[in-house]
Amino acid sequence: MQSTTTPDTAAAGGARTGPPAPVGPAPRRSSGRAWEWSLAALLLAPNLVLLVVFTYRPLVDNIRLSFTDWNISAPIANPIGVANYVEWFTRPDTRTVLFNTLVFTVATVGISMALGLALALLLDQRLRGRNLVRSVVFAPFVISGAAVGVAFQFVFDPSFGLVRDLLARVGLSSPDFYQRPGWALFMVTFTYIWRTLGYSFVIYLAALQARRADLDEAAEIDGASPWTHFRRVLLPQLRPTTFFLSITVLLSSVQVFDIINVMTRGGPVGNGTMTLVYQVYRETFVNQRAGYGATVATAMFLILLTVTIVQVRVMDRGQQS
């Protein structure tokens, strides 16, 4: 006779209890992951192809050309090793170009971000006509840089410009912006800040409108002063926005070309407003030295890469602290 075992008797006899063991082969998880990887590769492939074709391949070609002596109209580039880099480091105008780039970049990044934050704090308040003022502040950013440069040529013209008329009203003479390198650099820096101020303003305004209201209420209840509230409550919330702006505005400032080309063309005397990106253009297309122009472009890339890495590490340390 066959004996049957009930669950109670099985449990009493010390048999294994619980859900029954699964029957059949284990599910294949590798197939699901393979499908996810395939889908990710399919979606990322177009962007990766565009990056390789239009970003990384030109970068590699530029580095390769920096080791050659190539007239842009010649069919052959002659390899010369590191001669272009030796020339760039030893040329007397390299220090002037680096100084102009540093002054222009630091001034445009620092002033545009500071003024953009100040305007965002002001126009985030409940003021009459603030939407109109917001539009006026942002409008120059959508105007062509070449058009802005042409307009500001008349503003800074020492003979009949707007600046001359304003200074004449208080008994002062206008500086010769087109003959003195220092004033010429100030002119293009001011023009670029006026054009790009709206970008920093809009980004900071969006960050202010997305900040946490409970922290503001807590600071108000605790009786924090406006400066303490700004430094202890508001600035920490704006740290990611500040980091984003510091990188994007920096990259945009270093690569500015249109305003300098329209207003001064790297002059007026010697290399008064010559920056790295404008030197790349002049050496490549004016002096017909594409190999040396590629050397300047490679140096600019390495400088920007180093500065960006430093910014990322400083941001990471700030978040950890």
C-alpha atoms as a PDB file:
ATOM      1  CA  MET A   1       0.000   0.000   0.000  1.00  0.00           C
ATOM      2  CA  GLN A   2       1.177   3.505  -0.741  1.00  0.00           C
ATOM      3  CA  SER A   3       1.390   5.866   2.208  1.00  0.00           C
ATOM      4  CA  THR A   4       0.387   9.473   1.886  1.00  0.00           C
ATOM      5  CA  THR A   5       2.022  12.269   3.847  1.00  0.00           C
ATOM      6  CA  THR A   6       0.027  15.277   4.878  1.00  0.00           C
ATOM      7  CA  PRO A   7       1.581  18.697   5.424  1.00  0.00           C
ATOM      8  CA  ASP A   8       1.057  18.381   9.156  1.00  0.00           C
ATOM      9  CA  THR A   9       2.762  15.042   9.377  1.00  0.00           C
ATOM     10  CA  ALA A  10       5.575  16.275   7.136  1.00  0.00           C
ATOM     11  CA  ALA A  11       6.143  19.271   9.337  1.00  0.00           C
ATOM     12  CA  ALA A  12       6.001  17.108  12.399  1.00  0.00           C
ATOM     13  CA  GLY A  13       8.553  14.739  10.908  1.00  0.00           C
ATOM     14  CA  GLY A  14      11.015  17.567  10.279  1.00  0.00           C
ATOM     15  CA  ALA A  15      10.439  17.659   6.533  1.00  0.00           C
ATOM     16  CA  ARG A  16      11.151  20.919   4.571  1.00  0.00           C
ATOM     17  CA  THR A  17       8.293  23.431   4.599  1.00  0.00           C
ATOM     18  CA  GLY A  18       7.626  26.523   2.506  1.00  0.00           C
ATOM     19  CA  PRO A  19       6.841  27.167  -1.129  1.00  0.00           C
ATOM     20  CA  PRO A  20       7.584  24.387  -3.543  1.00  0.00           C
ATOM     21  CA  ALA A  21      10.838  24.461  -5.459  1.00  0.00           C
ATOM     22  CA  PRO A  22      10.569  25.983  -8.941  1.00  0.00           C
ATOM     23  CA  VAL A  23      10.186  23.495 -11.701  1.00  0.00           C
ATOM     24  CA  GLY A  24      12.019  23.886 -14.987  1.00  0.00           C
ATOM     25  CA  PRO A  25      15.155  25.797 -16.057  1.00  0.00           C
ATOM     26  CA  ALA A  26      16.171  29.068 -14.359  1.00  0.00           C
ATOM     27  CA  PRO A  27      15.158  32.272 -16.177  1.00  0.00           C
ATOM     28  CA  ARG A  28      17.800  33.725 -18.449  1.00  0.00           C
ATOM     29  CA  ARG A  29      18.761  37.157 -17.151  1.00  0.00           C
ATOM     30  CA  SER A  30      21.561  37.595 -19.640  1.00  0.00           C
ATOM     31  CA  SER A  31      19.107  37.905 -22.507  1.00  0.00           C
ATOM     32  CA  GLY A  32      17.329  40.819 -20.827  1.00  0.00           C
ATOM     33  CA  ARG A  33      20.593  42.640 -20.164  1.00  0.00           C
ATOM     34  CA  ALA A  34      21.753  42.002 -23.709  1.00  0.00           C
ATOM     35  CA  TRP A  35      18.534  43.593 -24.988  1.00  0.00           C
ATOM     36  CA  GLU A  36      19.051  46.633 -22.746  1.00  0.00           C
ATOM     37  CA  TRP A  37      22.634  47.061 -23.953  1.00  0.00           C
ATOM     38  CA  SER A  38      21.538  46.688 -27.554  1.00  0.00           C
ATOM     39  CA  LEU A  39      18.815  49.295 -27.134  1.00  0.00           C
ATOM     40  CA  ALA A  40      21.251  51.694 -25.412  1.00  0.00           C
ATOM     41  CA  ALA A  41      23.798  51.236 -28.204  1.00  0.00           C
ATOM     42  CA  LEU A  42      21.112  51.838 -30.822  1.00  0.00           C
ATOM     43  CA  LEU A  43      20.006  55.083 -29.176  1.00  0.00           C
ATOM     44  CA  LEU A  44      23.527  56.356 -28.481  1.00  0.00           C
ATOM     45  CA  ALA A  45      25.040  55.414 -31.830  1.00  0.00           C
ATOM     46  CA  PRO A  46      23.892  58.528 -33.777  1.00  0.00           C
ATOM     47  CA  ASN A  47      25.274  60.909 -31.138  1.00  0.00           C
ATOM     48  CA  LEU A  48      28.509  58.957 -30.832  1.00  0.00           C
ATOM     49  CA  VAL A  49      28.969  59.001 -34.594  1.00  0.00           C
ATOM     50  CA  LEU A  50      28.428  62.762 -34.687  1.00  0.00           C
ATOM     51  CA  LEU A  51      30.900  63.277 -31.822  1.00  0.00           C
ATOM     52  CA  VAL A  52      33.541  61.133 -33.487  1.00  0.00           C
ATOM     53  CA  VAL A  53      33.116  62.709 -36.932  1.00  0.00           C
ATOM     54  CA  PHE A  54      32.734  66.364 -35.949  1.00  0.00           C
ATOM     55  CA  THR A  55      34.621  66.611 -32.619  1.00  0.00           C
ATOM     56  CA  TYR A  56      37.192  63.915 -31.922  1.00  0.00           C
ATOM     57  CA  ARG A  57      38.400  63.332 -35.465  1.00  0.00           C
ATOM     58  CA  PRO A  58      39.022  67.082 -36.114  1.00  0.00           C
ATOM     59  CA  LEU A  59      40.781  67.259 -32.745  1.00  0.00           C
ATOM     60  CA  VAL A  60      43.116  64.415 -33.695  1.00  0.00           C
ATOM     61  CA  ASP A  61      43.706  65.947 -37.142  1.00  0.00           C
ATOM     62  CA  ASN A  62      44.496  69.310 -35.561  1.00  0.00           C
ATOM     63  CA  ILE A  63      47.067  67.745 -33.232  1.00  0.00           C
ATOM     64  CA  ARG A  64      48.601  65.925 -36.190  1.00  0.00           C
ATOM     65  CA  LEU A  65      48.806  69.145 -38.220  1.00  0.00           C
ATOM     66  CA  SER A  66      50.526  70.935 -35.342  1.00  0.00           C
ATOM     67  CA  PHE A  67      53.633  68.855 -36.077  1.00  0.00           C
ATOM     68  CA  THR A  68      53.787  69.958 -39.717  1.00  0.00           C
ATOM     69  CA  ASP A  69      54.625  73.024 -41.757  1.00  0.00           C
ATOM     70  CA  TRP A  70      51.619  73.449 -44.007  1.00  0.00           C
ATOM     71  CA  ASN A  71      50.541  76.322 -46.179  1.00  0.00           C
ATOM     72  CA  ILE A  72      46.757  76.046 -46.257  1.00  0.00           C
ATOM     73  CA  SER A  73      46.761  76.347 -50.045  1.00  0.00           C
ATOM     74  CA  ALA A  74      49.445  73.676 -50.537  1.00  0.00           C
ATOM     75  CA  PRO A  75      48.493  70.031 -51.138  1.00  0.00           C
ATOM     76  CA  ILE A  76      51.261  68.591 -48.922  1.00  0.00           C
ATOM     77  CA  ALA A  77      52.080  69.192 -45.252  1.00  0.00           C
ATOM     78  CA  ASN A  78      55.766  68.777 -44.378  1.00  0.00           C
ATOM     79  CA  PRO A  79      56.497  67.134 -40.988  1.00  0.00           C
ATOM     80  CA  ILE A  80      58.761  69.282 -38.796  1.00  0.00           C
ATOM     81  CA  GLY A  81      58.388  67.648 -35.383  1.00  0.00           C
ATOM     82  CA  VAL A  82      57.970  69.974 -32.413  1.00  0.00           C
ATOM     83  CA  ALA A  83      59.376  73.052 -34.181  1.00  0.00           C
ATOM     84  CA  ASN A  84      56.002  74.820 -34.065  1.00  0.00           C
ATOM     85  CA  TYR A  85      55.719  74.323 -30.319  1.00  0.00           C
ATOM     86  CA  VAL A  86      59.271  75.571 -29.772  1.00  0.00           C
ATOM     87  CA  GLU A  87      58.448  78.665 -31.835  1.00  0.00           C
ATOM     88  CA  TRP A  88      55.210  79.282 -29.933  1.00  0.00           C
ATOM     89  CA  PHE A  89      56.919  79.097 -26.545  1.00  0.00           C
ATOM     90  CA  THR A  90      59.819  81.330 -27.632  1.00  0.00           C
ATOM     91  CA  ARG A  91      57.976  83.983 -29.669  1.00  0.00           C
ATOM     92  CA  PRO A  92      57.772  87.360 -27.884  1.00  0.00           C
ATOM     93  CA  ASP A  93      54.100  87.870 -28.756  1.00  0.00           C
ATOM     94  CA  THR A  94      52.989  84.657 -27.039  1.00  0.00           C
ATOM     95  CA  ARG A  95      53.129  86.276 -23.612  1.00  0.00           C
ATOM     96  CA  THR A  96      51.027  89.212 -24.846  1.00  0.00           C
ATOM     97  CA  VAL A  97      48.430  86.918 -26.391  1.00  0.00           C
ATOM     98  CA  LEU A  98      48.175  84.819 -23.217  1.00  0.00           C
ATOM     99  CA  PHE A  99      47.880  87.960 -21.085  1.00  0.00           C
ATOM    100  CA  ASN A 100      45.118  89.391 -23.287  1.00  0.00           C
ATOM    101  CA  THR A 101      43.246  86.088 -23.210  1.00  0.00           C
ATOM    102  CA  LEU A 102      43.575  85.850 -19.424  1.00  0.00           C
ATOM    103  CA  VAL A 103      42.408  89.415 -18.777  1.00  0.00           C
ATOM    104  CA  PHE A 104      39.538  89.186 -21.248  1.00  0.00           C
ATOM    105  CA  THR A 105      38.356  85.811 -19.920  1.00  0.00           C
ATOM    106  CA  VAL A 106      38.608  86.609 -16.214  1.00  0.00           C
ATOM    107  CA  ALA A 107      36.867  89.963 -16.665  1.00  0.00           C
ATOM    108  CA  THR A 108      34.057  88.647 -18.836  1.00  0.00           C
ATOM    109  CA  VAL A 109      33.404  85.548 -16.717  1.00  0.00           C
ATOM    110  CA  GLY A 110      33.610  87.265 -13.336  1.00  0.00           C
ATOM    111  CA  ILE A 111      31.755  90.470 -14.180  1.00  0.00           C
ATOM    112  CA  SER A 112      29.018  88.852 -16.277  1.00  0.00           C
ATOM    113  CA  MET A 113      28.288  86.254 -13.588  1.00  0.00           C
ATOM    114  CA  ALA A 114      28.316  88.813 -10.762  1.00  0.00           C
ATOM    115  CA  LEU A 115      26.084  91.258 -12.641  1.00  0.00           C
ATOM    116  CA  GLY A 116      23.843  88.424 -13.812  1.00  0.00           C
ATOM    117  CA  LEU A 117      23.316  87.255 -10.225  1.00  0.00           C
ATOM    118  CA  ALA A 118      22.658  90.815  -9.028  1.00  0.00           C
ATOM    119  CA  LEU A 119      20.090  91.426 -11.752  1.00  0.00           C
ATOM    120  CA  ALA A 120      18.468  88.051 -11.104  1.00  0.00           C
ATOM    121  CA  LEU A 121      18.124  88.859  -7.391  1.00  0.00           C
ATOM    122  CA  LEU A 122      16.619  92.241  -8.236  1.00  0.00           C
ATOM    123  CA  LEU A 123      14.215  91.084 -10.928  1.00  0.00           C
ATOM    124  CA  ASP A 124      13.111  88.076  -8.896  1.00  0.00           C
ATOM    125  CA  GLN A 125      11.272  90.508  -6.639  1.00  0.00           C
ATOM    126  CA  ARG A 126       7.673  91.573  -7.207  1.00  0.00           C
ATOM    127  CA  LEU A 127       8.362  94.736  -9.188  1.00  0.00           C
ATOM    128  CA  ARG A 128       6.153  96.541 -11.665  1.00  0.00           C
ATOM    129  CA  GLY A 129       7.249  95.977 -15.245  1.00  0.00           C
ATOM    130  CA  ARG A 130       9.810  93.309 -14.344  1.00  0.00           C
ATOM    131  CA  ASN A 131       8.894  91.123 -17.334  1.00  0.00           C
ATOM    132  CA  LEU A 132       9.694  93.977 -19.700  1.00  0.00           C
ATOM    133  CA  VAL A 133      13.024  94.596 -17.963  1.00  0.00           C
ATOM    134  CA  ARG A 134      13.840  90.893 -18.118  1.00  0.00           C
ATOM    135  CA  SER A 135      13.285  90.922 -21.866  1.00  0.00           C
ATOM    136  CA  VAL A 136      15.450  94.026 -22.277  1.00  0.00           C
ATOM    137  CA  VAL A 137      18.309  92.449 -20.313  1.00  0.00           C
ATOM    138  CA  PHE A 138      18.190  89.197 -22.273  1.00  0.00           C
ATOM    139  CA  ALA A 139      17.671  90.739 -25.733  1.00  0.00           C
ATOM    140  CA  PRO A 140      21.367  91.492 -26.540  1.00  0.00           C
ATOM    141  CA  PHE A 141      22.244  87.810 -26.143  1.00  0.00           C
ATOM    142  CA  VAL A 142      20.207  86.852 -29.213  1.00  0.00           C
ATOM    143  CA  ILE A 143      21.781  89.568 -31.390  1.00  0.00           C
ATOM    144  CA  SER A 144      24.644  88.618 -33.688  1.00  0.00           C
ATOM    145  CA  GLY A 145      28.063  89.366 -32.252  1.00  0.00           C
ATOM    146  CA  ALA A 146      29.129  91.013 -35.509  1.00  0.00           C
ATOM    147  CA  ALA A 147      26.120  93.348 -35.363  1.00  0.00           C
ATOM    148  CA  VAL A 148      26.909  94.223 -31.744  1.00  0.00           C
ATOM    149  CA  GLY A 149      30.515  94.948 -32.683  1.00  0.00           C
ATOM    150  CA  VAL A 150      29.489  97.301 -35.492  1.00  0.00           C
ATOM    151  CA  ALA A 151      27.064  99.146 -33.200  1.00  0.00           C
ATOM    152  CA  PHE A 152      29.642  99.613 -30.446  1.00  0.00           C
ATOM    153  CA  GLN A 153      32.172 100.954 -32.907  1.00  0.00           C
ATOM    154  CA  PHE A 154      30.004 104.083 -33.007  1.00  0.00           C
ATOM    155  CA  VAL A 155      29.620 104.030 -29.220  1.00  0.00           C
ATOM    156  CA  PHE A 156      33.386 104.130 -28.601  1.00  0.00           C
ATOM    157  CA  ASP A 157      34.451 106.214 -31.580  1.00  0.00           C
ATOM    158  CA  PRO A 158      36.711 108.962 -30.161  1.00  0.00           C
ATOM    159  CA  SER A 159      35.533 111.530 -32.719  1.00  0.00           C
ATOM    160  CA  PHE A 160      31.732 111.322 -32.670  1.00  0.00           C
ATOM    161  CA  GLY A 161      30.837 108.354 -30.433  1.00  0.00           C
ATOM    162  CA  LEU A 162      28.366 108.206 -27.567  1.00  0.00           C
ATOM    163  CA  VAL A 163      31.125 107.871 -24.976  1.00  0.00           C
ATOM    164  CA  ARG A 164      32.782 111.031 -26.298  1.00  0.00           C
ATOM    165  CA  ASP A 165      29.524 112.994 -25.983  1.00  0.00           C
ATOM    166  CA  LEU A 166      28.880 111.763 -22.441  1.00  0.00           C
ATOM    167  CA  LEU A 167      32.407 112.589 -21.281  1.00  0.00           C
ATOM    168  CA  ALA A 168      32.265 115.998 -22.975  1.00  0.00           C
ATOM    169  CA  ARG A 169      29.242 116.899 -20.860  1.00  0.00           C
ATOM    170  CA  VAL A 170      31.382 116.628 -17.719  1.00  0.00           C
ATOM    171  CA  GLY A 171      34.430 118.293 -19.246  1.00  0.00           C
ATOM    172  CA  LEU A 172      36.462 115.161 -20.005  1.00  0.00           C
ATOM    173  CA  SER A 173      38.044 114.026 -23.243  1.00  0.00           C
ATOM    174  CA  SER A 174      37.420 110.598 -24.691  1.00  0.00           C
ATOM    175  CA  PRO A 175      40.266 108.042 -24.640  1.00  0.00           C
ATOM    176  CA  ASP A 176      41.509 106.888 -28.010  1.00  0.00           C
ATOM    177  CA  PHE A 177      40.091 103.374 -27.882  1.00  0.00           C
ATOM    178  CA  TYR A 178      41.483 102.488 -31.306  1.00  0.00           C
ATOM    179  CA  GLN A 179      45.092 103.538 -30.702  1.00  0.00           C
ATOM    180  CA  ARG A 180      45.859 102.441 -27.131  1.00  0.00           C
ATOM    181  CA  PRO A 181      46.003  98.679 -26.456  1.00  0.00           C
ATOM    182  CA  GLY A 182      44.713  98.926 -22.886  1.00  0.00           C
ATOM    183  CA  TRP A 183      41.649 100.941 -23.846  1.00  0.00           C
ATOM    184  CA  ALA A 184      41.042  98.722 -26.876  1.00  0.00           C
ATOM    185  CA  LEU A 185      41.005  95.634 -24.650  1.00  0.00           C
ATOM    186  CA  PHE A 186      38.610  97.403 -22.291  1.00  0.00           C
ATOM    187  CA  MET A 187      36.367  98.282 -25.243  1.00  0.00           C
ATOM    188  CA  VAL A 188      35.990  94.720 -26.549  1.00  0.00           C
ATOM    189  CA  THR A 189      35.615  93.356 -22.999  1.00  0.00           C
ATOM    190  CA  PHE A 190      32.827  95.806 -22.189  1.00  0.00           C
ATOM    191  CA  THR A 191      31.077  95.024 -25.471  1.00  0.00           C
ATOM    192  CA  TYR A 192      31.199  91.281 -24.898  1.00  0.00           C
ATOM    193  CA  ILE A 193      29.927  91.601 -21.318  1.00  0.00           C
ATOM    194  CA  TRP A 194      27.012  93.744 -22.529  1.00  0.00           C
ATOM    195  CA  ARG A 195      26.090  91.113 -25.112  1.00  0.00           C
ATOM    196  CA  THR A 196      26.348  87.997 -22.895  1.00  0.00           C
ATOM    197  CA  LEU A 197      25.037  89.403 -19.608  1.00  0.00           C
ATOM    198  CA  GLY A 198      21.525  88.176 -20.392  1.00  0.00           C
ATOM    199  CA  TYR A 199      22.698  84.552 -20.484  1.00  0.00           C
ATOM    200  CA  SER A 200      24.020  84.559 -16.915  1.00  0.00           C
ATOM    201  CA  PHE A 201      20.977  86.540 -15.810  1.00  0.00           C
ATOM    202  CA  VAL A 202      18.465  84.024 -17.207  1.00  0.00           C
ATOM    203  CA  ILE A 203      20.278  80.984 -15.785  1.00  0.00           C
ATOM    204  CA  TYR A 204      20.534  82.537 -12.317  1.00  0.00           C
ATOM    205  CA  LEU A 205      16.906  83.681 -12.450  1.00  0.00           C
ATOM    206  CA  ALA A 206      15.754  80.147 -13.217  1.00  0.00           C
ATOM    207  CA  ALA A 207      17.836  78.812 -10.321  1.00  0.00           C
ATOM    208  CA  LEU A 208      16.394  81.410  -7.933  1.00  0.00           C
ATOM    209  CA  GLN A 209      12.850  80.517  -8.897  1.00  0.00           C
ATOM    210  CA  ALA A 210      13.578  76.823  -8.254  1.00  0.00           C
ATOM    211  CA  ARG A 211      15.174  77.300  -4.830  1.00  0.00           C
ATOM    212  CA  ARG A 212      13.670  75.818  -1.671  1.00  0.00           C
ATOM    213  CA  ALA A 213      11.187  78.184  -0.045  1.00  0.00           C
ATOM    214  CA  ASP A 214      11.310  76.368   3.314  1.00  0.00           C
ATOM    215  CA  LEU A 215      14.957  77.344   3.775  1.00  0.00           C
ATOM    216  CA  ASP A 216      14.114  80.994   3.175  1.00  0.00           C
ATOM    217  CA  GLU A 217      11.291  80.786   5.707  1.00  0.00           C
ATOM    218  CA  ALA A 218      13.552  79.111   8.265  1.00  0.00           C
ATOM    219  CA  ALA A 219      16.188  81.819   7.832  1.00  0.00           C
ATOM    220  CA  GLU A 220      13.537  84.509   8.236  1.00  0.00           C
ATOM    221  CA  ILE A 221      12.192  82.894  11.413  1.00  0.00           C
ATOM    222  CA  ASP A 222      15.715  82.635  12.834  1.00  0.00           C
ATOM    223  CA  GLY A 223      16.190  86.357  12.212  1.00  0.00           C
ATOM    224  CA  ALA A 224      19.049  86.031   9.727  1.00  0.00           C
ATOM    225  CA  SER A 225      20.286  89.274   8.221  1.00  0.00           C
ATOM    226  CA  PRO A 226      20.076  89.757   4.421  1.00  0.00           C
ATOM    227  CA  TRP A 227      23.820  89.194   4.047  1.00  0.00           C
ATOM    228  CA  THR A 228      23.751  86.066   6.214  1.00  0.00           C
ATOM    229  CA  HIS A 229      20.766  84.738   4.297  1.00  0.00           C
ATOM    230  CA  PHE A 230      22.538  85.391   1.008  1.00  0.00           C
ATOM    231  CA  ARG A 231      25.815  83.812   2.111  1.00  0.00           C
ATOM    232  CA  ARG A 232      24.539  80.887   4.190  1.00  0.00           C
ATOM    233  CA  VAL A 233      21.253  79.961   2.530  1.00  0.00           C
ATOM    234  CA  LEU A 234      21.124  81.250  -1.023  1.00  0.00           C
ATOM    235  CA  LEU A 235      24.674  80.783  -2.305  1.00  0.00           C
ATOM    236  CA  PRO A 236      24.906  77.075  -1.333  1.00  0.00           C
ATOM    237  CA  GLN A 237      21.747  76.399  -3.330  1.00  0.00           C
ATOM    238  CA  LEU A 238      23.226  78.245  -6.318  1.00  0.00           C
ATOM    239  CA  ARG A 239      26.529  76.349  -6.249  1.00  0.00           C
ATOM    240  CA  PRO A 240      25.611  73.900  -9.072  1.00  0.00           C
ATOM    241  CA  THR A 241      24.340  76.794 -11.202  1.00  0.00           C
ATOM    242  CA  THR A 242      27.502  78.789 -10.549  1.00  0.00           C
ATOM    243  CA  PHE A 243      29.622  75.803 -11.515  1.00  0.00           C
ATOM    244  CA  PHE A 244      27.660  75.333 -14.734  1.00  0.00           C
ATOM    245  CA  LEU A 245      27.946  79.010 -15.641  1.00  0.00           C
ATOM    246  CA  SER A 246      31.649  79.169 -14.818  1.00  0.00           C
ATOM    247  CA  ILE A 247      32.356  76.445 -17.384  1.00  0.00           C
ATOM    248  CA  THR A 248      29.981  77.558 -20.144  1.00  0.00           C
ATOM    249  CA  VAL A 249      30.818  81.268 -19.889  1.00  0.00           C
ATOM    250  CA  LEU A 250      34.532  80.460 -19.716  1.00  0.00           C
ATOM    251  CA  LEU A 251      34.429  78.340 -22.877  1.00  0.00           C
ATOM    252  CA  SER A 252      32.371  80.977 -24.677  1.00  0.00           C
ATOM    253  CA  SER A 253      34.695  83.813 -23.641  1.00  0.00           C
ATOM    254  CA  VAL A 254      37.866  82.061 -24.710  1.00  0.00           C
ATOM    255  CA  GLN A 255      36.399  81.343 -28.151  1.00  0.00           C
ATOM    256  CA  VAL A 256      35.039  84.836 -28.887  1.00  0.00           C
ATOM    257  CA  PHE A 257      35.984  85.898 -32.393  1.00  0.00           C
ATOM    258  CA  ASP A 258      33.290  87.980 -34.065  1.00  0.00           C
ATOM    259  CA  ILE A 259      33.418  91.048 -31.794  1.00  0.00           C
ATOM    260  CA  ILE A 260      37.218  91.245 -31.881  1.00  0.00           C
ATOM    261  CA  ASN A 261      37.301  90.755 -35.644  1.00  0.00           C
ATOM    262  CA  VAL A 262      34.754  93.500 -36.290  1.00  0.00           C
ATOM    263  CA  MET A 263      36.008  96.070 -33.788  1.00  0.00           C
ATOM    264  CA  THR A 264      39.813  95.784 -33.679  1.00  0.00           C
ATOM    265  CA  ARG A 265      41.021  92.768 -35.708  1.00  0.00           C
ATOM    266  CA  GLY A 266      43.478  91.924 -32.974  1.00  0.00           C
ATOM    267  CA  GLY A 267      44.987  95.417 -32.875  1.00  0.00           C
ATOM    268  CA  PRO A 268      45.079  98.317 -32.728  1.00  0.00           C
ATOM    269  CA  VAL A 269      48.820  98.566 -32.025  1.00  0.00           C
ATOM    270  CA  GLY A 270      50.711  95.319 -32.278  1.00  0.00           C
ATOM    271  CA  ASN A 271      48.576  92.690 -30.547  1.00  0.00           C
ATOM    272  CA  GLY A 272      46.516  94.896 -28.249  1.00  0.00           C
ATOM    273  CA  THR A 273      43.406  92.691 -28.405  1.00  0.00           C
ATOM    274  CA  MET A 274      44.913  89.522 -29.847  1.00  0.00           C
ATOM    275  CA  THR A 275      43.561  86.417 -28.087  1.00  0.00           C
ATOM    276  CA  LEU A 276      44.352  82.765 -28.648  1.00  0.00           C
ATOM    277  CA  VAL A 277      41.383  82.024 -30.863  1.00  0.00           C
ATOM    278  CA  TYR A 278      42.002  85.122 -32.986  1.00  0.00           C
ATOM    279  CA  GLN A 279      45.665  84.150 -33.305  1.00  0.00           C
ATOM    280  CA  VAL A 280      44.541  80.775 -34.647  1.00  0.00           C
ATOM    281  CA  TYR A 281      42.513  82.561 -37.313  1.00  0.00           C
ATOM    282  CA  ARG A 282      45.282  85.015 -38.231  1.00  0.00           C
ATOM    283  CA  GLU A 283      48.047  82.420 -38.477  1.00  0.00           C
ATOM    284  CA  THR A 284      45.895  79.964 -40.432  1.00  0.00           C
ATOM    285  CA  PHE A 285      43.985  82.149 -42.879  1.00  0.00           C
ATOM    286  CA  VAL A 286      45.947  85.418 -43.010  1.00  0.00           C
ATOM    287  CA  ASN A 287      49.573  84.275 -42.664  1.00  0.00           C
ATOM    288  CA  GLN A 288      48.811  80.955 -44.425  1.00  0.00           C
ATOM    289  CA  ARG A 289      50.519  78.943 -41.687  1.00  0.00           C
ATOM    290  CA  ALA A 290      47.977  76.260 -40.876  1.00  0.00           C
ATOM    291  CA  GLY A 291      50.516  74.123 -38.999  1.00  0.00           C
ATOM    292  CA  TYR A 292      51.379  76.912 -36.596  1.00  0.00           C
ATOM    293  CA  GLY A 293      47.709  77.805 -36.247  1.00  0.00           C
ATOM    294  CA  ALA A 294      47.008  74.189 -35.274  1.00  0.00           C
ATOM    295  CA  THR A 295      49.758  74.483 -32.654  1.00  0.00           C
ATOM    296  CA  VAL A 296      48.058  77.512 -31.074  1.00  0.00           C
ATOM    297  CA  ALA A 297      44.708  75.690 -31.172  1.00  0.00           C
ATOM    298  CA  THR A 298      46.231  72.648 -29.454  1.00  0.00           C
ATOM    299  CA  ALA A 299      47.749  74.843 -26.746  1.00  0.00           C
ATOM    300  CA  MET A 300      44.367  76.509 -26.212  1.00  0.00           C
ATOM    301  CA  PHE A 301      42.681  73.104 -25.951  1.00  0.00           C
ATOM    302  CA  LEU A 302      45.172  71.916 -23.322  1.00  0.00           C
ATOM    303  CA  ILE A 303      44.744  75.114 -21.301  1.00  0.00           C
ATOM    304  CA  LEU A 304      40.953  74.830 -21.363  1.00  0.00           C
ATOM    305  CA  LEU A 305      41.106  71.139 -20.462  1.00  0.00           C
ATOM    306  CA  THR A 306      43.319  71.877 -17.475  1.00  0.00           C
ATOM    307  CA  VAL A 307      41.129  74.726 -16.247  1.00  0.00           C
ATOM    308  CA  THR A 308      37.986  72.607 -16.602  1.00  0.00           C
ATOM    309  CA  ILE A 309      39.526  69.719 -14.633  1.00  0.00           C
ATOM    310  CA  VAL A 310      40.496  72.129 -11.863  1.00  0.00           C
ATOM    311  CA  GLN A 311      36.954  73.553 -11.804  1.00  0.00           C
ATOM    312  CA  VAL A 312      35.434  70.077 -11.531  1.00  0.00           C
ATOM    313  CA  ARG A 313      37.730  69.116  -8.653  1.00  0.00           C
ATOM    314  CA  VAL A 314      37.024  72.341  -6.796  1.00  0.00           C
ATOM    315  CA  MET A 315      33.294  71.754  -7.254  1.00  0.00           C
ATOM    316  CA  ASP A 316      33.588  68.175  -5.976  1.00  0.00           C
ATOM    317  CA  ARG A 317      35.503  69.307  -2.897  1.00  0.00           C
ATOM    318  CA  GLY A 318      32.927  72.006  -2.219  1.00  0.00           C
ATOM    319  CA  GLN A 319      30.100  69.469  -2.349  1.00  0.00           C
ATOM    320  CA  GLN A 320      31.938  67.062  -0.063  1.00  0.00           C
ATOM    321  CA  SER A 321      32.654  69.780   2.489  1.00  0.00           C
END
